[in-house]
Amino acid sequence: IILVGGITFFWLLEGTLPLFNFKYKKWKHAVPNLFFTLTTV
C-alpha cells in the first residue's frame, strides 16, 4: 500500500503541479518503469 499509494499520490500531484509539461503518453512512459519496479520488488 505504501508503494502503490505513494506512486498514485505523486502521479496525481504531477498533474496539478508539473515542473515540466512533458509531451508524452504518461502510461506508455510508465510501462518500463513499473516493470523495473516489479523486478525490484
Full PDB file with SEQRES, HELIX, SHEET, SSBOND, CRYST1, ORIGX, SCALE, CONECT and MASTER records, all heavy atoms in Angstrom:
SEQRES   1 A   41  ILE ILE LEU VAL GLY GLY ILE THR PHE PHE TRP LEU LEU          
SEQRES   2 A   41  GLU GLY THR LEU PRO LEU PHE ASN PHE LYS TYR LYS LYS          
SEQRES   3 A   41  TRP LYS HIS ALA VAL PRO ASN LEU PHE PHE THR LEU THR          
SEQRES   4 A   41  THR VAL                                                      
HELIX    1 AA1 ILE A    2  THR A   16  1                                  15    
HELIX    2 AA2 LYS A   26  THR A   40  1                                  15    
CRYST1    1.000    1.000    1.000  90.00  90.00  90.00 P 1           1          
ORIGX1      1.000000  0.000000  0.000000        0.00000                         
ORIGX2      0.000000  1.000000  0.000000        0.00000                         
ORIGX3      0.000000  0.000000  1.000000        0.00000                         
SCALE1      1.000000  0.000000  0.000000        0.00000                         
SCALE2      0.000000  1.000000  0.000000        0.00000                         
SCALE3      0.000000  0.000000  1.000000        0.00000                         
ATOM      1  N   ILE A   1       0.835  -1.204   0.000  1.00  0.00           N  
ATOM      2  CA  ILE A   1       0.000   0.000   0.000  1.00  0.00           C  
ATOM      3  C   ILE A   1       0.867   1.251   0.000  1.00  0.00           C  
ATOM      4  O   ILE A   1       0.564   2.238  -0.682  1.00  0.00           O  
ATOM      5  CB  ILE A   1      -0.957  -0.010   1.212  1.00  0.00           C  
ATOM      6  CG1 ILE A   1      -2.035  -1.083   1.025  1.00  0.00           C  
ATOM      7  CG2 ILE A   1      -1.608   1.363   1.396  1.00  0.00           C  
ATOM      8  CD1 ILE A   1      -2.910  -1.304   2.247  1.00  0.00           C  
ATOM      9  N   ILE A   2       1.962   1.224   0.743  1.00  0.00           N  
ATOM     10  CA  ILE A   2       2.888   2.364   0.778  1.00  0.00           C  
ATOM     11  C   ILE A   2       3.475   2.595  -0.610  1.00  0.00           C  
ATOM     12  O   ILE A   2       3.548   3.731  -1.101  1.00  0.00           O  
ATOM     13  CB  ILE A   2       4.013   2.125   1.806  1.00  0.00           C  
ATOM     14  CG1 ILE A   2       3.442   2.121   3.226  1.00  0.00           C  
ATOM     15  CG2 ILE A   2       5.097   3.197   1.685  1.00  0.00           C  
ATOM     16  CD1 ILE A   2       4.425   1.693   4.291  1.00  0.00           C  
ATOM     17  N   LEU A   3       3.883   1.507  -1.279  1.00  0.00           N  
ATOM     18  CA  LEU A   3       4.462   1.612  -2.619  1.00  0.00           C  
ATOM     19  C   LEU A   3       3.450   2.139  -3.626  1.00  0.00           C  
ATOM     20  O   LEU A   3       3.708   3.143  -4.308  1.00  0.00           O  
ATOM     21  CB  LEU A   3       4.969   0.223  -3.065  1.00  0.00           C  
ATOM     22  CG  LEU A   3       5.426   0.096  -4.535  1.00  0.00           C  
ATOM     23  CD1 LEU A   3       6.619   1.009  -4.800  1.00  0.00           C  
ATOM     24  CD2 LEU A   3       5.760  -1.345  -4.856  1.00  0.00           C  
ATOM     25  N   VAL A   4       2.305   1.487  -3.715  1.00  0.00           N  
ATOM     26  CA  VAL A   4       1.289   1.871  -4.699  1.00  0.00           C  
ATOM     27  C   VAL A   4       0.667   3.213  -4.346  1.00  0.00           C  
ATOM     28  O   VAL A   4       0.425   4.052  -5.223  1.00  0.00           O  
ATOM     29  CB  VAL A   4       0.196   0.778  -4.799  1.00  0.00           C  
ATOM     30  CG1 VAL A   4      -0.914   1.217  -5.754  1.00  0.00           C  
ATOM     31  CG2 VAL A   4       0.808  -0.540  -5.264  1.00  0.00           C  
ATOM     32  N   GLY A   5       0.427   3.427  -3.061  1.00  0.00           N  
ATOM     33  CA  GLY A   5      -0.176   4.688  -2.623  1.00  0.00           C  
ATOM     34  C   GLY A   5       0.710   5.881  -2.918  1.00  0.00           C  
ATOM     35  O   GLY A   5       0.231   6.940  -3.334  1.00  0.00           O  
ATOM     36  N   GLY A   6       2.027   5.709  -2.711  1.00  0.00           N  
ATOM     37  CA  GLY A   6       2.963   6.798  -2.984  1.00  0.00           C  
ATOM     38  C   GLY A   6       2.998   7.152  -4.460  1.00  0.00           C  
ATOM     39  O   GLY A   6       2.941   8.330  -4.829  1.00  0.00           O  
ATOM     40  N   ILE A   7       3.107   6.125  -5.312  1.00  0.00           N  
ATOM     41  CA  ILE A   7       3.128   6.361  -6.756  1.00  0.00           C  
ATOM     42  C   ILE A   7       1.842   7.062  -7.199  1.00  0.00           C  
ATOM     43  O   ILE A   7       1.876   8.028  -7.966  1.00  0.00           O  
ATOM     44  CB  ILE A   7       3.305   5.033  -7.530  1.00  0.00           C  
ATOM     45  CG1 ILE A   7       4.704   4.464  -7.308  1.00  0.00           C  
ATOM     46  CG2 ILE A   7       3.059   5.248  -9.026  1.00  0.00           C  
ATOM     47  CD1 ILE A   7       4.937   3.111  -7.947  1.00  0.00           C  
ATOM     48  N   THR A   8       0.712   6.575  -6.694  1.00  0.00           N  
ATOM     49  CA  THR A   8      -0.586   7.159  -7.073  1.00  0.00           C  
ATOM     50  C   THR A   8      -0.695   8.612  -6.634  1.00  0.00           C  
ATOM     51  O   THR A   8      -1.115   9.480  -7.422  1.00  0.00           O  
ATOM     52  CB  THR A   8      -1.734   6.353  -6.445  1.00  0.00           C  
ATOM     53  OG1 THR A   8      -1.633   4.980  -6.853  1.00  0.00           O  
ATOM     54  CG2 THR A   8      -3.093   6.919  -6.870  1.00  0.00           C  
ATOM     55  N   PHE A   9      -0.293   8.900  -5.405  1.00  0.00           N  
ATOM     56  CA  PHE A   9      -0.389  10.267  -4.884  1.00  0.00           C  
ATOM     57  C   PHE A   9       0.454  11.236  -5.700  1.00  0.00           C  
ATOM     58  O   PHE A   9      -0.032  12.287  -6.139  1.00  0.00           O  
ATOM     59  CB  PHE A   9       0.049  10.303  -3.418  1.00  0.00           C  
ATOM     60  CG  PHE A   9       0.117  11.689  -2.845  1.00  0.00           C  
ATOM     61  CD1 PHE A   9      -1.034  12.374  -2.500  1.00  0.00           C  
ATOM     62  CD2 PHE A   9       1.351  12.333  -2.668  1.00  0.00           C  
ATOM     63  CE1 PHE A   9      -0.987  13.664  -1.986  1.00  0.00           C  
ATOM     64  CE2 PHE A   9       1.415  13.611  -2.156  1.00  0.00           C  
ATOM     65  CZ  PHE A   9       0.242  14.286  -1.808  1.00  0.00           C  
ATOM     66  N   PHE A  10       1.720  10.894  -5.917  1.00  0.00           N  
ATOM     67  CA  PHE A  10       2.601  11.811  -6.652  1.00  0.00           C  
ATOM     68  C   PHE A  10       2.265  11.852  -8.136  1.00  0.00           C  
ATOM     69  O   PHE A  10       2.456  12.879  -8.794  1.00  0.00           O  
ATOM     70  CB  PHE A  10       4.069  11.427  -6.418  1.00  0.00           C  
ATOM     71  CG  PHE A  10       4.532  11.681  -5.014  1.00  0.00           C  
ATOM     72  CD1 PHE A  10       4.914  10.629  -4.196  1.00  0.00           C  
ATOM     73  CD2 PHE A  10       4.548  12.969  -4.497  1.00  0.00           C  
ATOM     74  CE1 PHE A  10       5.328  10.865  -2.887  1.00  0.00           C  
ATOM     75  CE2 PHE A  10       4.959  13.218  -3.187  1.00  0.00           C  
ATOM     76  CZ  PHE A  10       5.344  12.157  -2.378  1.00  0.00           C  
ATOM     77  N   TRP A  11       1.744  10.759  -8.671  1.00  0.00           N  
ATOM     78  CA  TRP A  11       1.283  10.712 -10.070  1.00  0.00           C  
ATOM     79  C   TRP A  11       0.182  11.761 -10.265  1.00  0.00           C  
ATOM     80  O   TRP A  11       0.192  12.523 -11.236  1.00  0.00           O  
ATOM     81  CB  TRP A  11       0.772   9.313 -10.367  1.00  0.00           C  
ATOM     82  CG  TRP A  11       0.166   9.088 -11.723  1.00  0.00           C  
ATOM     83  CD1 TRP A  11      -1.025   9.555 -12.186  1.00  0.00           C  
ATOM     84  CD2 TRP A  11       0.727   8.321 -12.798  1.00  0.00           C  
ATOM     85  NE1 TRP A  11      -1.266   9.113 -13.461  1.00  0.00           N  
ATOM     86  CE2 TRP A  11      -0.201   8.360 -13.868  1.00  0.00           C  
ATOM     87  CE3 TRP A  11       1.898   7.590 -12.957  1.00  0.00           C  
ATOM     88  CZ2 TRP A  11       0.015   7.700 -15.074  1.00  0.00           C  
ATOM     89  CZ3 TRP A  11       2.113   6.939 -14.158  1.00  0.00           C  
ATOM     90  CH2 TRP A  11       1.202   6.988 -15.203  1.00  0.00           C  
ATOM     91  N   LEU A  12      -0.771  11.798  -9.323  1.00  0.00           N  
ATOM     92  CA  LEU A  12      -1.863  12.771  -9.405  1.00  0.00           C  
ATOM     93  C   LEU A  12      -1.364  14.192  -9.172  1.00  0.00           C  
ATOM     94  O   LEU A  12      -1.801  15.139  -9.831  1.00  0.00           O  
ATOM     95  CB  LEU A  12      -2.954  12.420  -8.378  1.00  0.00           C  
ATOM     96  CG  LEU A  12      -3.691  11.097  -8.623  1.00  0.00           C  
ATOM     97  CD1 LEU A  12      -4.622  10.785  -7.448  1.00  0.00           C  
ATOM     98  CD2 LEU A  12      -4.487  11.150  -9.922  1.00  0.00           C  
ATOM     99  N   LEU A  13      -0.420  14.335  -8.232  1.00  0.00           N  
ATOM    100  CA  LEU A  13       0.127  15.663  -7.928  1.00  0.00           C  
ATOM    101  C   LEU A  13       0.871  16.235  -9.128  1.00  0.00           C  
ATOM    102  O   LEU A  13       0.848  17.446  -9.369  1.00  0.00           O  
ATOM    103  CB  LEU A  13       1.060  15.563  -6.713  1.00  0.00           C  
ATOM    104  CG  LEU A  13       1.470  16.885  -6.042  1.00  0.00           C  
ATOM    105  CD1 LEU A  13       0.242  17.624  -5.521  1.00  0.00           C  
ATOM    106  CD2 LEU A  13       2.444  16.602  -4.899  1.00  0.00           C  
ATOM    107  N   GLU A  14       1.516  15.371  -9.900  1.00  0.00           N  
ATOM    108  CA  GLU A  14       2.232  15.811 -11.098  1.00  0.00           C  
ATOM    109  C   GLU A  14       1.289  16.467 -12.105  1.00  0.00           C  
ATOM    110  O   GLU A  14       1.703  17.331 -12.886  1.00  0.00           O  
ATOM    111  CB  GLU A  14       2.933  14.617 -11.764  1.00  0.00           C  
ATOM    112  CG  GLU A  14       4.139  14.115 -10.997  1.00  0.00           C  
ATOM    113  CD  GLU A  14       4.732  12.847 -11.590  1.00  0.00           C  
ATOM    114  OE1 GLU A  14       4.006  12.128 -12.319  1.00  0.00           O  
ATOM    115  OE2 GLU A  14       5.915  12.567 -11.323  1.00  0.00           O  
ATOM    116  N   GLY A  15       0.044  16.077 -12.074  1.00  0.00           N  
ATOM    117  CA  GLY A  15      -0.920  16.647 -12.998  1.00  0.00           C  
ATOM    118  C   GLY A  15      -1.347  18.059 -12.630  1.00  0.00           C  
ATOM    119  O   GLY A  15      -1.809  18.821 -13.498  1.00  0.00           O  
ATOM    120  N   THR A  16      -1.169  18.428 -11.365  1.00  0.00           N  
ATOM    121  CA  THR A  16      -1.592  19.755 -10.913  1.00  0.00           C  
ATOM    122  C   THR A  16      -0.426  20.712 -10.675  1.00  0.00           C  
ATOM    123  O   THR A  16      -0.586  21.921 -10.766  1.00  0.00           O  
ATOM    124  CB  THR A  16      -2.417  19.645  -9.606  1.00  0.00           C  
ATOM    125  OG1 THR A  16      -1.632  18.971  -8.608  1.00  0.00           O  
ATOM    126  CG2 THR A  16      -3.693  18.849  -9.844  1.00  0.00           C  
ATOM    127  N   LEU A  17       0.751  20.145 -10.360  1.00  0.00           N  
ATOM    128  CA  LEU A  17       1.928  20.992 -10.085  1.00  0.00           C  
ATOM    129  C   LEU A  17       3.131  20.540 -10.914  1.00  0.00           C  
ATOM    130  O   LEU A  17       4.205  20.257 -10.368  1.00  0.00           O  
ATOM    131  CB  LEU A  17       2.296  20.936  -8.597  1.00  0.00           C  
ATOM    132  CG  LEU A  17       1.301  21.490  -7.592  1.00  0.00           C  
ATOM    133  CD1 LEU A  17       1.741  21.146  -6.173  1.00  0.00           C  
ATOM    134  CD2 LEU A  17       1.183  23.008  -7.731  1.00  0.00           C  
ATOM    135  N   PRO A  18       3.025  20.456 -12.221  1.00  0.00           N  
ATOM    136  CA  PRO A  18       4.142  19.913 -13.016  1.00  0.00           C  
ATOM    137  C   PRO A  18       5.338  20.860 -13.093  1.00  0.00           C  
ATOM    138  O   PRO A  18       5.173  22.070 -13.227  1.00  0.00           O  
ATOM    139  CB  PRO A  18       3.520  19.724 -14.401  1.00  0.00           C  
ATOM    140  CG  PRO A  18       2.458  20.779 -14.478  1.00  0.00           C  
ATOM    141  CD  PRO A  18       1.897  20.881 -13.075  1.00  0.00           C  
ATOM    142  N   LEU A  19       6.527  20.276 -13.005  1.00  0.00           N  
ATOM    143  CA  LEU A  19       7.747  21.051 -13.229  1.00  0.00           C  
ATOM    144  C   LEU A  19       7.936  21.253 -14.727  1.00  0.00           C  
ATOM    145  O   LEU A  19       8.166  22.362 -15.187  1.00  0.00           O  
ATOM    146  CB  LEU A  19       8.957  20.312 -12.634  1.00  0.00           C  
ATOM    147  CG  LEU A  19      10.333  20.912 -12.921  1.00  0.00           C  
ATOM    148  CD1 LEU A  19      10.427  22.343 -12.407  1.00  0.00           C  
ATOM    149  CD2 LEU A  19      11.431  20.050 -12.305  1.00  0.00           C  
ATOM    150  N   PHE A  20       7.845  20.163 -15.483  1.00  0.00           N  
ATOM    151  CA  PHE A  20       7.931  20.233 -16.939  1.00  0.00           C  
ATOM    152  C   PHE A  20       6.624  19.717 -17.541  1.00  0.00           C  
ATOM    153  O   PHE A  20       6.091  18.700 -17.094  1.00  0.00           O  
ATOM    154  CB  PHE A  20       9.093  19.377 -17.460  1.00  0.00           C  
ATOM    155  CG  PHE A  20      10.453  19.859 -17.040  1.00  0.00           C  
ATOM    156  CD1 PHE A  20      11.243  19.111 -16.180  1.00  0.00           C  
ATOM    157  CD2 PHE A  20      10.950  21.073 -17.512  1.00  0.00           C  
ATOM    158  CE1 PHE A  20      12.501  19.551 -15.787  1.00  0.00           C  
ATOM    159  CE2 PHE A  20      12.209  21.523 -17.133  1.00  0.00           C  
ATOM    160  CZ  PHE A  20      12.981  20.773 -16.274  1.00  0.00           C  
ATOM    161  N   ASN A  21       6.137  20.399 -18.540  1.00  0.00           N  
ATOM    162  CA  ASN A  21       4.936  19.958 -19.245  1.00  0.00           C  
ATOM    163  C   ASN A  21       5.354  19.009 -20.370  1.00  0.00           C  
ATOM    164  O   ASN A  21       5.422  19.383 -21.532  1.00  0.00           O  
ATOM    165  CB  ASN A  21       4.169  21.158 -19.800  1.00  0.00           C  
ATOM    166  CG  ASN A  21       3.533  21.993 -18.699  1.00  0.00           C  
ATOM    167  OD1 ASN A  21       2.802  21.462 -17.865  1.00  0.00           O  
ATOM    168  ND2 ASN A  21       3.831  23.277 -18.682  1.00  0.00           N  
ATOM    169  N   PHE A  22       5.668  17.778 -19.983  1.00  0.00           N  
ATOM    170  CA  PHE A  22       6.130  16.788 -20.949  1.00  0.00           C  
ATOM    171  C   PHE A  22       5.051  16.520 -22.004  1.00  0.00           C  
ATOM    172  O   PHE A  22       3.869  16.405 -21.686  1.00  0.00           O  
ATOM    173  CB  PHE A  22       6.453  15.467 -20.252  1.00  0.00           C  
ATOM    174  CG  PHE A  22       7.642  15.523 -19.330  1.00  0.00           C  
ATOM    175  CD1 PHE A  22       7.587  14.949 -18.059  1.00  0.00           C  
ATOM    176  CD2 PHE A  22       8.829  16.115 -19.726  1.00  0.00           C  
ATOM    177  CE1 PHE A  22       8.673  14.983 -17.209  1.00  0.00           C  
ATOM    178  CE2 PHE A  22       9.928  16.154 -18.884  1.00  0.00           C  
ATOM    179  CZ  PHE A  22       9.849  15.588 -17.624  1.00  0.00           C  
ATOM    180  N   LYS A  23       5.496  16.390 -23.231  1.00  0.00           N  
ATOM    181  CA  LYS A  23       4.611  15.980 -24.311  1.00  0.00           C  
ATOM    182  C   LYS A  23       4.796  14.470 -24.495  1.00  0.00           C  
ATOM    183  O   LYS A  23       5.558  14.011 -25.335  1.00  0.00           O  
ATOM    184  CB  LYS A  23       4.949  16.727 -25.611  1.00  0.00           C  
ATOM    185  CG  LYS A  23       4.935  18.250 -25.476  1.00  0.00           C  
ATOM    186  CD  LYS A  23       3.555  18.779 -25.052  1.00  0.00           C  
ATOM    187  CE  LYS A  23       3.575  20.304 -24.920  1.00  0.00           C  
ATOM    188  NZ  LYS A  23       2.287  20.833 -24.406  1.00  0.00           N  
ATOM    189  N   TYR A  24       4.121  13.709 -23.651  1.00  0.00           N  
ATOM    190  CA  TYR A  24       4.282  12.275 -23.709  1.00  0.00           C  
ATOM    191  C   TYR A  24       3.014  11.582 -23.243  1.00  0.00           C  
ATOM    192  O   TYR A  24       2.143  12.178 -22.623  1.00  0.00           O  
ATOM    193  CB  TYR A  24       5.476  11.830 -22.875  1.00  0.00           C  
ATOM    194  CG  TYR A  24       5.311  11.890 -21.361  1.00  0.00           C  
ATOM    195  CD1 TYR A  24       5.933  10.948 -20.529  1.00  0.00           C  
ATOM    196  CD2 TYR A  24       4.565  12.899 -20.740  1.00  0.00           C  
ATOM    197  CE1 TYR A  24       5.819  11.009 -19.151  1.00  0.00           C  
ATOM    198  CE2 TYR A  24       4.439  12.959 -19.361  1.00  0.00           C  
ATOM    199  CZ  TYR A  24       5.062  12.012 -18.575  1.00  0.00           C  
ATOM    200  OH  TYR A  24       4.931  12.080 -17.214  1.00  0.00           O  
ATOM    201  N   LYS A  25       2.930  10.280 -23.590  1.00  0.00           N  
ATOM    202  CA  LYS A  25       1.833   9.455 -23.111  1.00  0.00           C  
ATOM    203  C   LYS A  25       2.273   8.882 -21.768  1.00  0.00           C  
ATOM    204  O   LYS A  25       3.136   8.007 -21.710  1.00  0.00           O  
ATOM    205  CB  LYS A  25       1.525   8.350 -24.119  1.00  0.00           C  
ATOM    206  CG  LYS A  25       0.974   8.878 -25.439  1.00  0.00           C  
ATOM    207  CD  LYS A  25       0.675   7.749 -26.411  1.00  0.00           C  
ATOM    208  CE  LYS A  25       0.126   8.283 -27.728  1.00  0.00           C  
ATOM    209  NZ  LYS A  25      -0.143   7.194 -28.714  1.00  0.00           N  
ATOM    210  N   LYS A  26       1.682   9.406 -20.721  1.00  0.00           N  
ATOM    211  CA  LYS A  26       2.152   9.104 -19.366  1.00  0.00           C  
ATOM    212  C   LYS A  26       2.144   7.606 -19.057  1.00  0.00           C  
ATOM    213  O   LYS A  26       3.095   7.086 -18.462  1.00  0.00           O  
ATOM    214  CB  LYS A  26       1.282   9.865 -18.365  1.00  0.00           C  
ATOM    215  CG  LYS A  26       1.905  10.062 -16.992  1.00  0.00           C  
ATOM    216  CD  LYS A  26       1.043  11.002 -16.165  1.00  0.00           C  
ATOM    217  CE  LYS A  26       1.532  11.120 -14.729  1.00  0.00           C  
ATOM    218  NZ  LYS A  26       2.735  11.951 -14.604  1.00  0.00           N  
ATOM    219  N   TRP A  27       1.100   6.918 -19.465  1.00  0.00           N  
ATOM    220  CA  TRP A  27       1.030   5.489 -19.186  1.00  0.00           C  
ATOM    221  C   TRP A  27       2.074   4.704 -19.981  1.00  0.00           C  
ATOM    222  O   TRP A  27       2.695   3.773 -19.467  1.00  0.00           O  
ATOM    223  CB  TRP A  27      -0.373   4.957 -19.491  1.00  0.00           C  
ATOM    224  CG  TRP A  27      -1.298   5.064 -18.322  1.00  0.00           C  
ATOM    225  CD1 TRP A  27      -2.351   5.922 -18.173  1.00  0.00           C  
ATOM    226  CD2 TRP A  27      -1.242   4.295 -17.110  1.00  0.00           C  
ATOM    227  NE1 TRP A  27      -2.951   5.743 -16.950  1.00  0.00           N  
ATOM    228  CE2 TRP A  27      -2.293   4.740 -16.277  1.00  0.00           C  
ATOM    229  CE3 TRP A  27      -0.414   3.267 -16.658  1.00  0.00           C  
ATOM    230  CZ2 TRP A  27      -2.532   4.205 -15.022  1.00  0.00           C  
ATOM    231  CZ3 TRP A  27      -0.639   2.728 -15.398  1.00  0.00           C  
ATOM    232  CH2 TRP A  27      -1.695   3.191 -14.594  1.00  0.00           C  
ATOM    233  N   LYS A  28       2.278   5.093 -21.249  1.00  0.00           N  
ATOM    234  CA  LYS A  28       3.274   4.414 -22.075  1.00  0.00           C  
ATOM    235  C   LYS A  28       4.663   4.602 -21.486  1.00  0.00           C  
ATOM    236  O   LYS A  28       5.474   3.662 -21.446  1.00  0.00           O  
ATOM    237  CB  LYS A  28       3.228   4.956 -23.509  1.00  0.00           C  
ATOM    238  CG  LYS A  28       4.178   4.250 -24.464  1.00  0.00           C  
ATOM    239  CD  LYS A  28       4.069   4.797 -25.883  1.00  0.00           C  
ATOM    240  CE  LYS A  28       5.023   4.076 -26.821  1.00  0.00           C  
ATOM    241  NZ  LYS A  28       4.953   4.619 -28.206  1.00  0.00           N  
ATOM    242  N   HIS A  29       4.955   5.810 -21.016  1.00  0.00           N  
ATOM    243  CA  HIS A  29       6.246   6.081 -20.381  1.00  0.00           C  
ATOM    244  C   HIS A  29       6.411   5.261 -19.110  1.00  0.00           C  
ATOM    245  O   HIS A  29       7.520   4.816 -18.773  1.00  0.00           O  
ATOM    246  CB  HIS A  29       6.350   7.583 -20.056  1.00  0.00           C  
ATOM    247  CG  HIS A  29       7.473   7.915 -19.130  1.00  0.00           C  
ATOM    248  ND1 HIS A  29       7.299   8.074 -17.772  1.00  0.00           N  
ATOM    249  CD2 HIS A  29       8.804   8.099 -19.347  1.00  0.00           C  
ATOM    250  CE1 HIS A  29       8.446   8.357 -17.206  1.00  0.00           C  
ATOM    251  NE2 HIS A  29       9.375   8.376 -18.132  1.00  0.00           N  
ATOM    252  N   ALA A  30       5.319   5.039 -18.391  1.00  0.00           N  
ATOM    253  CA  ALA A  30       5.385   4.353 -17.100  1.00  0.00           C  
ATOM    254  C   ALA A  30       5.630   2.858 -17.223  1.00  0.00           C  
ATOM    255  O   ALA A  30       6.135   2.235 -16.282  1.00  0.00           O  
ATOM    256  CB  ALA A  30       4.088   4.601 -16.324  1.00  0.00           C  
ATOM    257  N   VAL A  31       5.293   2.273 -18.368  1.00  0.00           N  
ATOM    258  CA  VAL A  31       5.351   0.815 -18.512  1.00  0.00           C  
ATOM    259  C   VAL A  31       6.727   0.229 -18.168  1.00  0.00           C  
ATOM    260  O   VAL A  31       6.829  -0.660 -17.311  1.00  0.00           O  
ATOM    261  CB  VAL A  31       4.904   0.371 -19.928  1.00  0.00           C  
ATOM    262  CG1 VAL A  31       5.237  -1.099 -20.165  1.00  0.00           C  
ATOM    263  CG2 VAL A  31       3.402   0.586 -20.094  1.00  0.00           C  
ATOM    264  N   PRO A  32       7.837   0.682 -18.801  1.00  0.00           N  
ATOM    265  CA  PRO A  32       9.139   0.106 -18.427  1.00  0.00           C  
ATOM    266  C   PRO A  32       9.517   0.403 -16.978  1.00  0.00           C  
ATOM    267  O   PRO A  32      10.131  -0.439 -16.307  1.00  0.00           O  
ATOM    268  CB  PRO A  32      10.120   0.755 -19.413  1.00  0.00           C  
ATOM    269  CG  PRO A  32       9.439   1.983 -19.897  1.00  0.00           C  
ATOM    270  CD  PRO A  32       7.982   1.659 -19.896  1.00  0.00           C  
ATOM    271  N   ASN A  33       9.158   1.581 -16.500  1.00  0.00           N  
ATOM    272  CA  ASN A  33       9.498   1.949 -15.120  1.00  0.00           C  
ATOM    273  C   ASN A  33       8.760   1.071 -14.115  1.00  0.00           C  
ATOM    274  O   ASN A  33       9.324   0.649 -13.100  1.00  0.00           O  
ATOM    275  CB  ASN A  33       9.174   3.421 -14.877  1.00  0.00           C  
ATOM    276  CG  ASN A  33      10.038   4.342 -15.711  1.00  0.00           C  
ATOM    277  OD1 ASN A  33      10.971   3.892 -16.380  1.00  0.00           O  
ATOM    278  ND2 ASN A  33       9.750   5.630 -15.677  1.00  0.00           N  
ATOM    279  N   LEU A  34       7.492   0.781 -14.387  1.00  0.00           N  
ATOM    280  CA  LEU A  34       6.723  -0.092 -13.498  1.00  0.00           C  
ATOM    281  C   LEU A  34       7.199  -1.534 -13.612  1.00  0.00           C  
ATOM    282  O   LEU A  34       7.174  -2.287 -12.623  1.00  0.00           O  
ATOM    283  CB  LEU A  34       5.230   0.018 -13.819  1.00  0.00           C  
ATOM    284  CG  LEU A  34       4.600   1.387 -13.542  1.00  0.00           C  
ATOM    285  CD1 LEU A  34       3.135   1.390 -13.955  1.00  0.00           C  
ATOM    286  CD2 LEU A  34       4.736   1.772 -12.069  1.00  0.00           C  
ATOM    287  N   PHE A  35       7.664  -1.919 -14.801  1.00  0.00           N  
ATOM    288  CA  PHE A  35       8.248  -3.260 -14.971  1.00  0.00           C  
ATOM    289  C   PHE A  35       9.457  -3.415 -14.058  1.00  0.00           C  
ATOM    290  O   PHE A  35       9.602  -4.433 -13.352  1.00  0.00           O  
ATOM    291  CB  PHE A  35       8.654  -3.483 -16.426  1.00  0.00           C  
ATOM    292  CG  PHE A  35       9.496  -4.712 -16.630  1.00  0.00           C  
ATOM    293  CD1 PHE A  35       8.907  -5.962 -16.717  1.00  0.00           C  
ATOM    294  CD2 PHE A  35      10.885  -4.616 -16.723  1.00  0.00           C  
ATOM    295  CE1 PHE A  35       9.682  -7.114 -16.893  1.00  0.00           C  
ATOM    296  CE2 PHE A  35      11.665  -5.753 -16.896  1.00  0.00           C  
ATOM    297  CZ  PHE A  35      11.064  -7.011 -16.977  1.00  0.00           C  
ATOM    298  N   PHE A  36      10.337  -2.407 -14.055  1.00  0.00           N  
ATOM    299  CA  PHE A  36      11.538  -2.487 -13.210  1.00  0.00           C  
ATOM    300  C   PHE A  36      11.205  -2.308 -11.724  1.00  0.00           C  
ATOM    301  O   PHE A  36      11.936  -2.808 -10.864  1.00  0.00           O  
ATOM    302  CB  PHE A  36      12.573  -1.459 -13.672  1.00  0.00           C  
ATOM    303  CG  PHE A  36      13.260  -1.849 -14.944  1.00  0.00           C  
ATOM    304  CD1 PHE A  36      13.069  -1.127 -16.111  1.00  0.00           C  
ATOM    305  CD2 PHE A  36      14.080  -2.966 -14.995  1.00  0.00           C  
ATOM    306  CE1 PHE A  36      13.684  -1.490 -17.304  1.00  0.00           C  
ATOM    307  CE2 PHE A  36      14.707  -3.344 -16.176  1.00  0.00           C  
ATOM    308  CZ  PHE A  36      14.503  -2.614 -17.335  1.00  0.00           C  
ATOM    309  N   THR A  37      10.123  -1.634 -11.439  1.00  0.00           N  
ATOM    310  CA  THR A  37       9.652  -1.577 -10.046  1.00  0.00           C  
ATOM    311  C   THR A  37       9.265  -2.977  -9.590  1.00  0.00           C  
ATOM    312  O   THR A  37       9.601  -3.398  -8.471  1.00  0.00           O  
ATOM    313  CB  THR A  37       8.438  -0.631  -9.922  1.00  0.00           C  
ATOM    314  OG1 THR A  37       8.824   0.691 -10.290  1.00  0.00           O  
ATOM    315  CG2 THR A  37       7.902  -0.614  -8.490  1.00  0.00           C  
ATOM    316  N   LEU A  38       8.579  -3.709 -10.464  1.00  0.00           N  
ATOM    317  CA  LEU A  38       8.167  -5.075 -10.141  1.00  0.00           C  
ATOM    318  C   LEU A  38       9.366  -5.988  -9.954  1.00  0.00           C  
ATOM    319  O   LEU A  38       9.408  -6.791  -9.009  1.00  0.00           O  
ATOM    320  CB  LEU A  38       7.263  -5.616 -11.254  1.00  0.00           C  
ATOM    321  CG  LEU A  38       6.746  -7.055 -11.074  1.00  0.00           C  
ATOM    322  CD1 LEU A  38       5.914  -7.170  -9.803  1.00  0.00           C  
ATOM    323  CD2 LEU A  38       5.922  -7.473 -12.290  1.00  0.00           C  
ATOM    324  N   THR A  39      10.375  -5.865 -10.831  1.00  0.00           N  
ATOM    325  CA  THR A  39      11.565  -6.715 -10.682  1.00  0.00           C  
ATOM    326  C   THR A  39      12.319  -6.388  -9.394  1.00  0.00           C  
ATOM    327  O   THR A  39      12.881  -7.278  -8.755  1.00  0.00           O  
ATOM    328  CB  THR A  39      12.522  -6.582 -11.890  1.00  0.00           C  
ATOM    329  OG1 THR A  39      12.984  -5.224 -12.010  1.00  0.00           O  
ATOM    330  CG2 THR A  39      11.827  -7.003 -13.177  1.00  0.00           C  
ATOM    331  N   THR A  40      12.309  -5.121  -9.016  1.00  0.00           N  
ATOM    332  CA  THR A  40      12.942  -4.723  -7.754  1.00  0.00           C  
ATOM    333  C   THR A  40      12.245  -5.376  -6.569  1.00  0.00           C  
ATOM    334  O   THR A  40      12.892  -5.881  -5.640  1.00  0.00           O  
ATOM    335  CB  THR A  40      12.914  -3.186  -7.601  1.00  0.00           C  
ATOM    336  OG1 THR A  40      13.658  -2.590  -8.665  1.00  0.00           O  
ATOM    337  CG2 THR A  40      13.522  -2.758  -6.263  1.00  0.00           C  
ATOM    338  N   VAL A  41      10.922  -5.364  -6.594  1.00  0.00           N  
ATOM    339  CA  VAL A  41      10.134  -5.993  -5.531  1.00  0.00           C  
ATOM    340  C   VAL A  41      10.433  -7.485  -5.467  1.00  0.00           C  
ATOM    341  O   VAL A  41      10.633  -8.051  -4.383  1.00  0.00           O  
ATOM    342  CB  VAL A  41       8.623  -5.757  -5.759  1.00  0.00           C  
ATOM    343  CG1 VAL A  41       7.791  -6.607  -4.790  1.00  0.00           C  
ATOM    344  CG2 VAL A  41       8.272  -4.282  -5.582  1.00  0.00           C  
TER     345      VAL A  41                                                      
MASTER        0    0    0    2    0    0    0    6  344    1    0    4          
END                                                                             
